[in-house]
Amino acid sequence: MKPGRILLFIACVIAALASVGAIFPDDGVEVAGHHLGFASLHSLVARDEKVEIETTPAEPPEMLQLRDSLDYYRSLVGSGDLRFWLPNSHYLDAFWRNAERARHTGRTVRVLHYGDSQIEMDHITSRLRSHLQQCFGGGGPGMVPFHTITPSLTIRQGTTGELQHLSSFGDSTVVRSRGDYGPMMQSFRLAGGSAVTTLRASQSSTVDDRAKRFSSVTLLFNDRNGNLSAELTDRQHRASLRQHHADRGIGSLVWLLDSASNSLRLSVSGSADLYGVLLDDGAGIAVDNIPMRGCSGQQFTLVPEEKLTAAYDQMDVGLIILQFGGNSVPYLKTSDQISTYCQSLGRQLDHLRLCCPSAKLLFIGPSDMSTRIRGQLQTYPILPELIDSLAATAVSHGAAYWSIYHAMGGRNSMPEWSRQGYAGQDYIHFSQHGADLMGDRLAQALDNSYRLFRLEQRLKKEKAKRKNEK
């Protein structure tokens, strides 16, 4: 066939397809029980709006006047891509006050970061931990399960022994229980035998040095028969110490090491539900990474109030972060379904406030997520409405809200994040680099809030000083 005829044939095909696209309904048609769609000519030739991805936080401008600084940080906290939705403008003040005092009073104030698969491997959490411990002191990787289910970039762990996995989440291979999950929403049951876990800090250069050592070790558990015995061995310094617990119920055993270690062995025997091991170093802030793969944030009410309260009482919890919603996006189609989901999340927030009244709550909504619509990657149509509803739900139930969706650029930002290597080809999950960047953005947002807190405290002092001078 001559080139001219080939070119004419291609032009006719394009024209035919364009004609079909022009008359084909935007929402497709139903044929024999199947939904058929057709890409429009506009969608094929239109260019996506460019999303700029800032990889380094903007430096705050130099301001000499206190009022100017206050206005600047109030704007950052109350509007823009890194803003917070707050029940009141001073909602996080108590957390910042406790964080400031922790190092001077010998406290270890905990931040519990719950989330779905976006935070597995210590993603996002590790960057937040690094920032908070740099500001307020403290160290160590935080709370880990007695037996690891998903690997972590921060801690290497190996476990032996006959342990039954109890979990409020996961597939049919895990065992459900009557709320015997503890603060990690999962536990490992020891039924009269023995078990050993070895814990070694990662030596990777990508892990903050503060997370590579631990001088305080706490075993958190529910002793079922009052016969739990545990021995901690500091493998680095070749020292061992055994402890016994003689009471039934939820409790903890604490070991304070003479010097920080990076390798431990913890052996236990008896009958208990092992909730977690807290690995900390010094007074300040501890940040716990608690991934719950496949969850949509509705597991907390599965733990009875008295049990979850007793577990939190063993810890000094200052902030609870809940990062959920992404797993529900593909299944939410209507406003009524969004409303039902948000009502359930509201009950979770109420439950956590009841079980841990000393902690502030921060809900983090889903990132941008892409699906193919008429052949083109686009934000899930329901996602913006869901994010608005999540923010309203959090605030109405006494919690703060922060939006990853807005922090990454909003509608249709995910394809650009994927193109630049910050997200995977599933257009849902962040890559390691993307998770690091998002962790830095969360840390920056919280830092904006803390700077505003400091400025407002300074303003109060200046007003009080002027009043006393009169």
Protein backbone atom coordinates (compact mmCIF):
# COMPACT_ATOMS: atom_id res chain seq x y z
CA MET A 1 0.00 0.00 0.00
CA LYS A 2 1.28 3.46 -0.88
CA PRO A 3 2.31 5.82 1.98
CA GLY A 4 -0.35 8.31 1.00
CA ARG A 5 -3.11 5.72 1.36
CA ILE A 6 -1.71 4.60 4.74
CA LEU A 7 -1.74 8.18 5.97
CA LEU A 8 -5.30 8.65 4.67
CA PHE A 9 -6.39 5.44 6.43
CA ILE A 10 -4.91 6.60 9.75
CA ALA A 11 -6.56 10.00 9.41
CA CYS A 12 -9.94 8.35 8.74
CA VAL A 13 -9.56 6.12 11.81
CA ILE A 14 -8.70 9.12 14.02
CA ALA A 15 -11.65 11.07 12.62
CA ALA A 16 -13.98 8.12 13.25
CA LEU A 17 -12.77 7.71 16.82
CA ALA A 18 -13.10 11.45 17.44
CA SER A 19 -16.67 11.34 16.13
CA VAL A 20 -17.56 8.47 18.44
CA GLY A 21 -15.95 10.28 21.36
CA ALA A 22 -17.93 13.42 20.59
CA ILE A 23 -21.32 11.70 20.71
CA PHE A 24 -20.55 9.06 23.37
CA PRO A 25 -22.16 9.90 26.75
CA ASP A 26 -19.68 11.28 29.32
CA ASP A 27 -20.81 8.75 31.93
CA GLY A 28 -20.72 5.80 29.49
CA VAL A 29 -23.41 3.26 28.73
CA GLU A 30 -24.56 -0.05 30.16
CA VAL A 31 -24.41 -3.01 27.76
CA ALA A 32 -25.39 -6.52 28.88
CA GLY A 33 -24.57 -5.68 32.47
CA HIS A 34 -21.20 -4.11 31.64
CA HIS A 35 -20.29 -0.44 31.83
CA LEU A 36 -18.61 0.90 28.68
CA GLY A 37 -16.81 4.23 28.43
CA PHE A 38 -15.03 6.04 25.65
CA ALA A 39 -12.27 8.65 25.85
CA SER A 40 -13.15 12.04 24.43
CA LEU A 41 -10.85 13.82 22.00
CA HIS A 42 -10.36 16.59 24.56
CA SER A 43 -9.17 14.14 27.22
CA LEU A 44 -6.62 12.70 24.81
CA VAL A 45 -5.08 15.98 23.72
CA ALA A 46 -5.53 18.09 26.87
CA ARG A 47 -2.46 18.57 29.02
CA ASP A 48 -2.63 17.99 32.75
CA GLU A 49 -2.06 21.00 34.94
CA LYS A 50 1.54 20.98 36.16
CA VAL A 51 1.93 20.15 39.87
CA GLU A 52 5.04 21.64 41.44
CA ILE A 53 6.64 19.40 44.07
CA GLU A 54 8.73 21.32 46.59
CA THR A 55 11.40 19.00 47.96
CA THR A 56 12.75 21.39 50.61
CA PRO A 57 10.69 23.35 53.13
CA ALA A 58 10.51 27.08 52.59
CA GLU A 59 12.62 29.14 54.96
CA PRO A 60 10.53 31.53 57.08
CA PRO A 61 11.20 35.18 56.30
CA GLU A 62 13.13 37.36 58.72
CA MET A 63 10.64 39.43 60.71
CA LEU A 64 11.53 41.88 63.43
CA GLN A 65 8.03 42.60 64.69
CA LEU A 66 6.24 40.07 66.89
CA ARG A 67 2.89 40.91 65.36
CA ASP A 68 4.20 40.24 61.85
CA SER A 69 5.55 36.85 62.94
CA LEU A 70 2.25 35.97 64.58
CA ASP A 71 0.28 36.88 61.47
CA TYR A 72 2.67 34.85 59.30
CA TYR A 73 2.43 31.64 61.31
CA ARG A 74 -1.29 32.01 61.93
CA SER A 75 -1.68 32.09 58.17
CA LEU A 76 0.46 28.95 57.74
CA VAL A 77 -1.41 27.01 60.42
CA GLY A 78 -4.87 28.18 59.38
CA SER A 79 -4.62 28.14 55.59
CA GLY A 80 -2.49 26.86 52.72
CA ASP A 81 -1.34 23.39 51.74
CA LEU A 82 0.05 22.48 55.18
CA ARG A 83 -2.78 23.91 57.26
CA PHE A 84 -4.58 22.25 60.19
CA TRP A 85 -8.30 22.05 60.78
CA LEU A 86 -8.65 22.53 64.57
CA PRO A 87 -11.50 22.33 67.11
CA ASN A 88 -10.09 25.56 68.53
CA SER A 89 -7.04 27.70 67.81
CA HIS A 90 -5.18 26.50 70.93
CA TYR A 91 -5.99 22.80 70.56
CA LEU A 92 -2.37 21.60 70.31
CA ASP A 93 -0.99 23.94 72.98
CA ALA A 94 -1.13 21.32 75.74
CA PHE A 95 0.92 18.90 73.66
CA TRP A 96 3.57 21.52 72.92
CA ARG A 97 3.69 22.49 76.59
CA ASN A 98 4.25 18.86 77.64
CA ALA A 99 6.83 18.35 74.89
CA GLU A 100 8.82 21.36 76.08
CA ARG A 101 8.78 20.22 79.70
CA ALA A 102 9.49 16.53 79.07
CA ARG A 103 13.27 16.72 78.89
CA HIS A 104 13.46 18.85 82.06
CA THR A 105 11.05 16.70 84.09
CA GLY A 106 12.36 13.28 83.05
CA ARG A 107 9.21 12.33 81.13
CA THR A 108 8.96 10.39 77.89
CA VAL A 109 5.90 11.81 76.14
CA ARG A 110 4.66 9.41 73.49
CA VAL A 111 3.28 10.09 70.03
CA LEU A 112 1.33 7.09 68.68
CA HIS A 113 1.18 7.07 64.88
CA TYR A 114 -1.50 4.62 63.70
CA GLY A 115 -2.06 4.18 59.99
CA ASP A 116 -2.65 1.88 57.04
CA SER A 117 -0.01 0.50 54.66
CA GLN A 118 1.19 4.02 53.84
CA ILE A 119 3.19 4.02 57.10
CA GLU A 120 4.57 0.47 56.93
CA MET A 121 8.36 0.11 57.21
CA ASP A 122 8.32 3.17 59.53
CA HIS A 123 7.50 5.34 56.51
CA ILE A 124 6.54 8.94 57.34
CA THR A 125 6.80 8.18 61.08
CA SER A 126 10.59 7.98 61.00
CA ARG A 127 10.93 11.51 59.64
CA LEU A 128 8.44 12.87 62.16
CA ARG A 129 10.30 11.07 64.98
CA SER A 130 13.60 12.52 63.87
CA HIS A 131 12.23 16.06 63.85
CA LEU A 132 10.45 15.87 67.22
CA GLN A 133 13.39 14.24 68.99
CA GLN A 134 15.75 16.82 67.56
CA CYS A 135 13.51 19.57 68.97
CA PHE A 136 12.54 18.07 72.33
CA GLY A 137 15.01 15.29 73.12
CA GLY A 138 14.47 11.59 73.48
CA GLY A 139 15.57 8.69 71.31
CA GLY A 140 14.92 5.10 70.32
CA PRO A 141 12.58 3.66 67.71
CA GLY A 142 9.58 3.58 70.07
CA MET A 143 7.08 0.78 70.57
CA VAL A 144 7.34 -2.39 68.47
CA PRO A 145 5.31 -5.63 68.60
CA PHE A 146 6.86 -8.62 70.39
CA HIS A 147 6.92 -10.37 67.03
CA THR A 148 7.25 -8.36 63.83
CA ILE A 149 4.66 -8.87 61.09
CA THR A 150 5.94 -6.25 58.68
CA PRO A 151 9.63 -5.31 58.46
CA SER A 152 10.90 -1.93 59.57
CA LEU A 153 13.67 0.31 58.29
CA THR A 154 14.53 1.25 61.87
CA ILE A 155 14.65 -1.99 63.87
CA ARG A 156 15.65 -5.56 63.03
CA GLN A 157 13.72 -8.21 64.92
CA GLY A 158 13.60 -12.01 65.18
CA THR A 159 11.26 -14.09 67.34
CA THR A 160 11.06 -17.73 68.42
CA GLY A 161 8.50 -19.57 70.57
CA GLU A 162 4.89 -20.69 70.47
CA LEU A 163 2.91 -17.47 70.14
CA GLN A 164 -0.66 -17.04 68.95
CA HIS A 165 -1.23 -13.90 66.92
CA LEU A 166 -4.36 -12.00 67.99
CA SER A 167 -5.28 -9.12 65.71
CA SER A 168 -8.16 -6.75 65.12
CA PHE A 169 -7.09 -6.47 61.46
CA GLY A 170 -5.68 -8.66 58.74
CA ASP A 171 -6.94 -11.62 56.71
CA SER A 172 -8.54 -14.87 57.90
CA THR A 173 -5.20 -16.34 59.02
CA VAL A 174 -5.12 -14.18 62.17
CA VAL A 175 -7.11 -14.96 65.31
CA ARG A 176 -9.79 -12.58 66.55
CA SER A 177 -10.34 -12.20 70.27
CA ARG A 178 -12.58 -10.38 72.70
CA GLY A 179 -10.61 -7.17 72.61
CA ASP A 180 -7.27 -8.60 73.84
CA TYR A 181 -5.31 -6.50 71.38
CA GLY A 182 -3.69 -3.73 73.41
CA PRO A 183 -2.61 -0.32 72.11
CA MET A 184 -1.12 -1.77 68.89
CA MET A 185 -4.48 -3.32 67.97
CA GLN A 186 -2.75 -6.71 67.96
CA SER A 187 -1.01 -8.90 70.53
CA PHE A 188 0.82 -12.21 70.85
CA ARG A 189 -0.53 -14.75 73.31
CA LEU A 190 1.88 -16.81 75.36
CA ALA A 191 0.04 -19.80 76.84
CA GLY A 192 2.27 -21.23 79.54
CA GLY A 193 5.36 -21.63 77.38
CA SER A 194 8.28 -19.38 76.55
CA ALA A 195 9.32 -17.07 73.72
CA VAL A 196 12.30 -14.94 72.77
CA THR A 197 12.58 -11.80 70.68
CA THR A 198 15.86 -10.22 69.59
CA LEU A 199 15.94 -6.52 68.82
CA ARG A 200 18.75 -4.81 66.95
CA ALA A 201 18.83 -1.22 65.79
CA SER A 202 19.34 -0.66 62.09
CA GLN A 203 22.76 0.72 61.21
CA SER A 204 21.58 2.17 57.90
CA SER A 205 22.77 5.69 57.17
CA THR A 206 19.18 6.61 56.28
CA VAL A 207 18.06 6.04 59.90
CA ASP A 208 18.49 8.87 62.39
CA ASP A 209 21.21 8.14 64.95
CA ARG A 210 18.79 8.91 67.79
CA ALA A 211 16.72 5.86 66.80
CA LYS A 212 19.75 3.54 66.89
CA ARG A 213 20.06 3.28 70.66
CA PHE A 214 17.81 2.44 73.60
CA SER A 215 18.46 2.76 77.32
CA SER A 216 14.90 2.22 78.56
CA VAL A 217 13.00 -0.98 77.71
CA THR A 218 9.38 -1.60 78.70
CA LEU A 219 7.42 -4.81 78.15
CA LEU A 220 3.68 -4.08 78.01
CA PHE A 221 1.29 -7.00 78.55
CA ASN A 222 -1.87 -8.48 80.01
CA ASP A 223 -0.75 -11.09 82.56
CA ARG A 224 -3.44 -13.77 82.46
CA ASN A 225 -2.34 -15.92 85.42
CA GLY A 226 -0.01 -13.69 87.42
CA ASN A 227 3.06 -15.75 86.50
CA LEU A 228 4.88 -13.76 83.83
CA SER A 229 8.66 -13.85 84.00
CA ALA A 230 10.99 -11.93 81.67
CA GLU A 231 14.74 -11.60 81.26
CA LEU A 232 16.39 -8.80 79.32
CA THR A 233 19.89 -9.38 77.97
CA ASP A 234 21.95 -6.44 76.76
CA ARG A 235 23.84 -8.20 73.98
CA GLN A 236 26.09 -5.23 73.34
CA HIS A 237 27.33 -4.94 76.94
CA ARG A 238 26.78 -8.60 77.98
CA ALA A 239 24.46 -7.95 80.93
CA SER A 240 21.19 -9.63 81.94
CA LEU A 241 18.39 -8.81 84.36
CA ARG A 242 15.34 -10.94 85.18
CA GLN A 243 12.01 -9.62 86.48
CA HIS A 244 8.75 -11.24 87.59
CA HIS A 245 5.17 -10.03 87.53
CA ALA A 246 2.92 -11.52 90.22
CA ASP A 247 -0.47 -9.92 89.46
CA ARG A 248 -3.09 -10.60 86.86
CA GLY A 249 -4.12 -7.89 84.48
CA ILE A 250 -2.55 -5.24 82.32
CA GLY A 251 0.87 -4.10 83.46
CA SER A 252 4.46 -3.47 82.44
CA LEU A 253 8.03 -4.40 83.30
CA VAL A 254 10.67 -1.71 82.91
CA TRP A 255 14.45 -2.05 82.50
CA LEU A 256 16.70 1.02 82.78
CA LEU A 257 20.13 0.25 81.32
CA ASP A 258 23.34 1.76 82.65
CA SER A 259 24.27 2.78 79.11
CA ALA A 260 22.45 2.82 75.81
CA SER A 261 22.49 -0.37 73.75
CA ASN A 262 21.71 -1.22 70.14
CA SER A 263 21.13 -4.98 70.55
CA LEU A 264 18.86 -6.72 73.06
CA ARG A 265 17.40 -10.13 73.74
CA LEU A 266 14.10 -10.40 75.63
CA SER A 267 12.91 -13.83 76.81
CA VAL A 268 9.52 -14.38 78.47
CA SER A 269 7.67 -17.28 80.05
CA GLY A 270 4.22 -17.70 81.57
CA SER A 271 0.71 -16.90 80.35
CA ALA A 272 0.16 -13.42 78.95
CA ASP A 273 -0.95 -11.38 75.99
CA LEU A 274 2.17 -9.49 74.92
CA TYR A 275 1.14 -6.03 73.75
CA GLY A 276 4.46 -4.49 72.77
CA VAL A 277 8.04 -3.57 73.64
CA LEU A 278 8.87 0.12 74.16
CA LEU A 279 12.44 1.00 73.13
CA ASP A 280 13.35 4.52 74.25
CA ASP A 281 16.42 6.57 75.10
CA GLY A 282 16.21 9.40 77.56
CA ALA A 283 13.57 11.92 78.46
CA GLY A 284 11.80 13.77 75.68
CA ILE A 285 9.61 12.46 72.86
CA ALA A 286 9.01 8.87 71.72
CA VAL A 287 7.22 8.27 68.42
CA ASP A 288 5.64 4.85 67.80
CA ASN A 289 4.97 3.52 64.29
CA ILE A 290 1.83 1.30 64.32
CA PRO A 291 0.91 0.16 60.79
CA MET A 292 -2.38 -1.66 60.26
CA ARG A 293 -2.42 -2.95 56.67
CA GLY A 294 -5.79 -2.89 54.94
CA CYS A 295 -7.52 -0.94 57.72
CA SER A 296 -9.81 2.03 57.35
CA GLY A 297 -9.46 3.18 60.97
CA GLN A 298 -12.48 1.43 62.48
CA GLN A 299 -10.71 -1.07 64.78
CA PHE A 300 -10.30 0.94 67.97
CA THR A 301 -13.77 0.33 69.36
CA LEU A 302 -13.02 -3.42 69.19
CA VAL A 303 -10.89 -2.97 72.33
CA PRO A 304 -13.13 -2.46 75.40
CA GLU A 305 -12.74 0.87 77.16
CA GLU A 306 -11.36 -0.60 80.39
CA LYS A 307 -8.67 -2.60 78.58
CA LEU A 308 -7.51 0.17 76.28
CA THR A 309 -7.56 2.69 79.13
CA ALA A 310 -5.45 0.39 81.30
CA ALA A 311 -2.92 -0.06 78.50
CA TYR A 312 -2.64 3.66 77.78
CA ASP A 313 -2.23 4.28 81.52
CA GLN A 314 1.07 2.38 81.31
CA MET A 315 2.31 4.98 78.81
CA ASP A 316 2.60 8.77 78.84
CA VAL A 317 0.66 9.52 75.64
CA GLY A 318 0.61 13.12 74.47
CA LEU A 319 -0.57 12.79 70.87
CA ILE A 320 -2.40 10.09 68.90
CA ILE A 321 -2.19 10.31 65.10
CA LEU A 322 -4.67 8.36 62.98
CA GLN A 323 -3.79 8.14 59.28
CA PHE A 324 -6.61 6.36 57.47
CA GLY A 325 -9.15 6.65 54.67
CA GLY A 326 -7.23 5.51 51.60
CA ASN A 327 -8.45 1.92 51.80
CA SER A 328 -12.07 3.08 51.69
CA VAL A 329 -11.76 5.41 48.70
CA PRO A 330 -12.31 2.80 45.94
CA TYR A 331 -15.48 1.55 47.62
CA LEU A 332 -17.19 4.83 48.45
CA LYS A 333 -19.53 5.91 45.67
CA THR A 334 -22.18 8.14 47.26
CA SER A 335 -22.52 10.90 49.85
CA ASP A 336 -24.56 8.56 52.05
CA GLN A 337 -21.71 6.03 52.08
CA ILE A 338 -19.26 8.79 53.03
CA SER A 339 -21.58 9.87 55.83
CA THR A 340 -21.80 6.32 57.20
CA TYR A 341 -18.04 5.91 57.11
CA CYS A 342 -17.42 9.25 58.83
CA GLN A 343 -19.96 8.41 61.53
CA SER A 344 -17.97 5.26 62.27
CA LEU A 345 -14.73 7.25 62.44
CA GLY A 346 -16.41 9.69 64.80
CA ARG A 347 -17.13 6.80 67.16
CA GLN A 348 -13.45 5.79 67.01
CA LEU A 349 -12.37 9.31 67.95
CA ASP A 350 -14.86 9.44 70.82
CA HIS A 351 -13.59 6.06 72.06
CA LEU A 352 -9.96 7.18 72.01
CA ARG A 353 -10.75 10.43 73.78
CA LEU A 354 -12.50 8.43 76.49
CA CYS A 355 -9.66 5.90 76.83
CA CYS A 356 -6.83 8.44 76.71
CA PRO A 357 -8.17 11.86 77.79
CA SER A 358 -4.67 13.29 78.27
CA ALA A 359 -3.79 12.88 74.57
CA LYS A 360 -4.58 15.19 71.69
CA LEU A 361 -5.91 13.53 68.52
CA LEU A 362 -4.79 14.26 64.97
CA PHE A 363 -6.53 12.62 62.03
CA ILE A 364 -4.63 12.53 58.72
CA GLY A 365 -6.75 11.91 55.66
CA PRO A 366 -5.80 10.05 52.47
CA SER A 367 -3.44 11.22 49.77
CA ASP A 368 -4.47 11.91 46.22
CA MET A 369 -5.29 8.60 44.52
CA SER A 370 -5.69 8.02 40.81
CA THR A 371 -8.01 5.84 38.80
CA ARG A 372 -8.55 5.64 35.05
CA ILE A 373 -11.58 7.55 33.83
CA ARG A 374 -12.21 7.35 30.08
CA GLY A 375 -8.65 6.20 29.59
CA GLN A 376 -7.01 8.97 31.63
CA LEU A 377 -5.55 8.93 35.15
CA GLN A 378 -7.66 11.17 37.37
CA THR A 379 -8.37 11.69 41.06
CA TYR A 380 -11.12 9.40 42.37
CA PRO A 381 -14.26 11.53 41.90
CA ILE A 382 -15.43 10.96 45.48
CA LEU A 383 -12.11 11.86 47.11
CA PRO A 384 -12.49 15.67 47.53
CA GLU A 385 -15.91 15.24 49.14
CA LEU A 386 -14.52 12.53 51.42
CA ILE A 387 -11.67 14.78 52.57
CA ASP A 388 -14.04 17.64 53.37
CA SER A 389 -16.24 15.24 55.35
CA LEU A 390 -13.26 13.75 57.22
CA ALA A 391 -12.06 17.20 58.24
CA ALA A 392 -15.52 18.17 59.49
CA THR A 393 -15.87 14.86 61.36
CA ALA A 394 -12.51 15.21 63.09
CA VAL A 395 -13.20 18.74 64.28
CA SER A 396 -16.74 17.97 65.43
CA HIS A 397 -15.40 15.08 67.53
CA GLY A 398 -12.69 17.11 69.21
CA ALA A 399 -9.72 16.21 67.00
CA ALA A 400 -7.41 18.08 64.64
CA TYR A 401 -7.20 17.24 60.94
CA TRP A 402 -4.31 17.43 58.46
CA SER A 403 -4.61 16.69 54.74
CA ILE A 404 -1.94 14.78 52.82
CA TYR A 405 -4.11 15.39 49.73
CA HIS A 406 -3.56 19.13 50.00
CA ALA A 407 0.06 18.76 51.12
CA MET A 408 0.96 16.92 47.91
CA GLY A 409 -0.80 19.39 45.61
CA GLY A 410 -4.48 18.42 45.55
CA ARG A 411 -6.47 17.11 42.60
CA ASN A 412 -4.52 15.06 40.03
CA SER A 413 -1.20 15.51 41.84
CA MET A 414 -0.51 11.77 42.20
CA PRO A 415 0.54 11.14 38.56
CA GLU A 416 3.22 13.82 38.87
CA TRP A 417 4.45 12.35 42.16
CA SER A 418 4.65 8.97 40.43
CA ARG A 419 6.43 10.41 37.39
CA GLN A 420 9.10 11.98 39.59
CA GLY A 421 9.61 8.79 41.59
CA TYR A 422 7.82 9.90 44.77
CA ALA A 423 4.99 7.36 44.37
CA GLY A 424 4.53 3.93 42.83
CA GLN A 425 2.90 2.90 39.58
CA ASP A 426 -0.24 1.91 41.51
CA TYR A 427 -0.83 5.67 41.96
CA ILE A 428 -1.72 5.05 45.59
CA HIS A 429 1.39 4.38 47.67
CA PHE A 430 4.41 6.61 48.19
CA SER A 431 7.89 5.41 47.36
CA GLN A 432 10.61 5.63 50.01
CA HIS A 433 11.55 9.10 48.75
CA GLY A 434 7.91 10.16 48.67
CA ALA A 435 7.26 8.89 52.20
CA ASP A 436 10.33 10.77 53.42
CA LEU A 437 9.12 13.93 51.74
CA MET A 438 5.63 13.58 53.19
CA GLY A 439 7.06 12.90 56.64
CA ASP A 440 9.05 16.11 56.32
CA ARG A 441 5.91 18.00 55.31
CA LEU A 442 4.00 16.68 58.31
CA ALA A 443 6.93 17.66 60.53
CA GLN A 444 6.98 21.12 58.91
CA ALA A 445 3.25 21.57 59.53
CA LEU A 446 3.67 20.65 63.19
CA ASP A 447 6.71 22.90 63.43
CA ASN A 448 4.60 25.79 62.13
CA SER A 449 2.10 25.07 64.90
CA TYR A 450 4.85 24.93 67.51
CA ARG A 451 6.40 28.22 66.34
CA LEU A 452 2.99 29.85 66.58
CA PHE A 453 2.60 28.45 70.11
CA ARG A 454 5.98 29.93 71.10
CA LEU A 455 5.10 33.31 69.63
CA GLU A 456 1.76 33.40 71.43
CA GLN A 457 3.46 32.52 74.72
CA ARG A 458 5.92 35.35 74.11
CA LEU A 459 3.06 37.76 73.44
CA LYS A 460 1.38 36.75 76.70
CA LYS A 461 4.57 37.41 78.63
CA GLU A 462 5.04 40.81 77.04
CA LYS A 463 1.44 41.78 77.83
CA ALA A 464 1.86 40.61 81.42
CA LYS A 465 5.11 42.58 81.73
CA ARG A 466 3.53 45.77 80.42
CA LYS A 467 0.58 45.30 82.79
CA ASN A 468 2.90 44.95 85.79
CA GLU A 469 4.85 48.04 84.77
CA LYS A 470 1.73 50.22 84.84
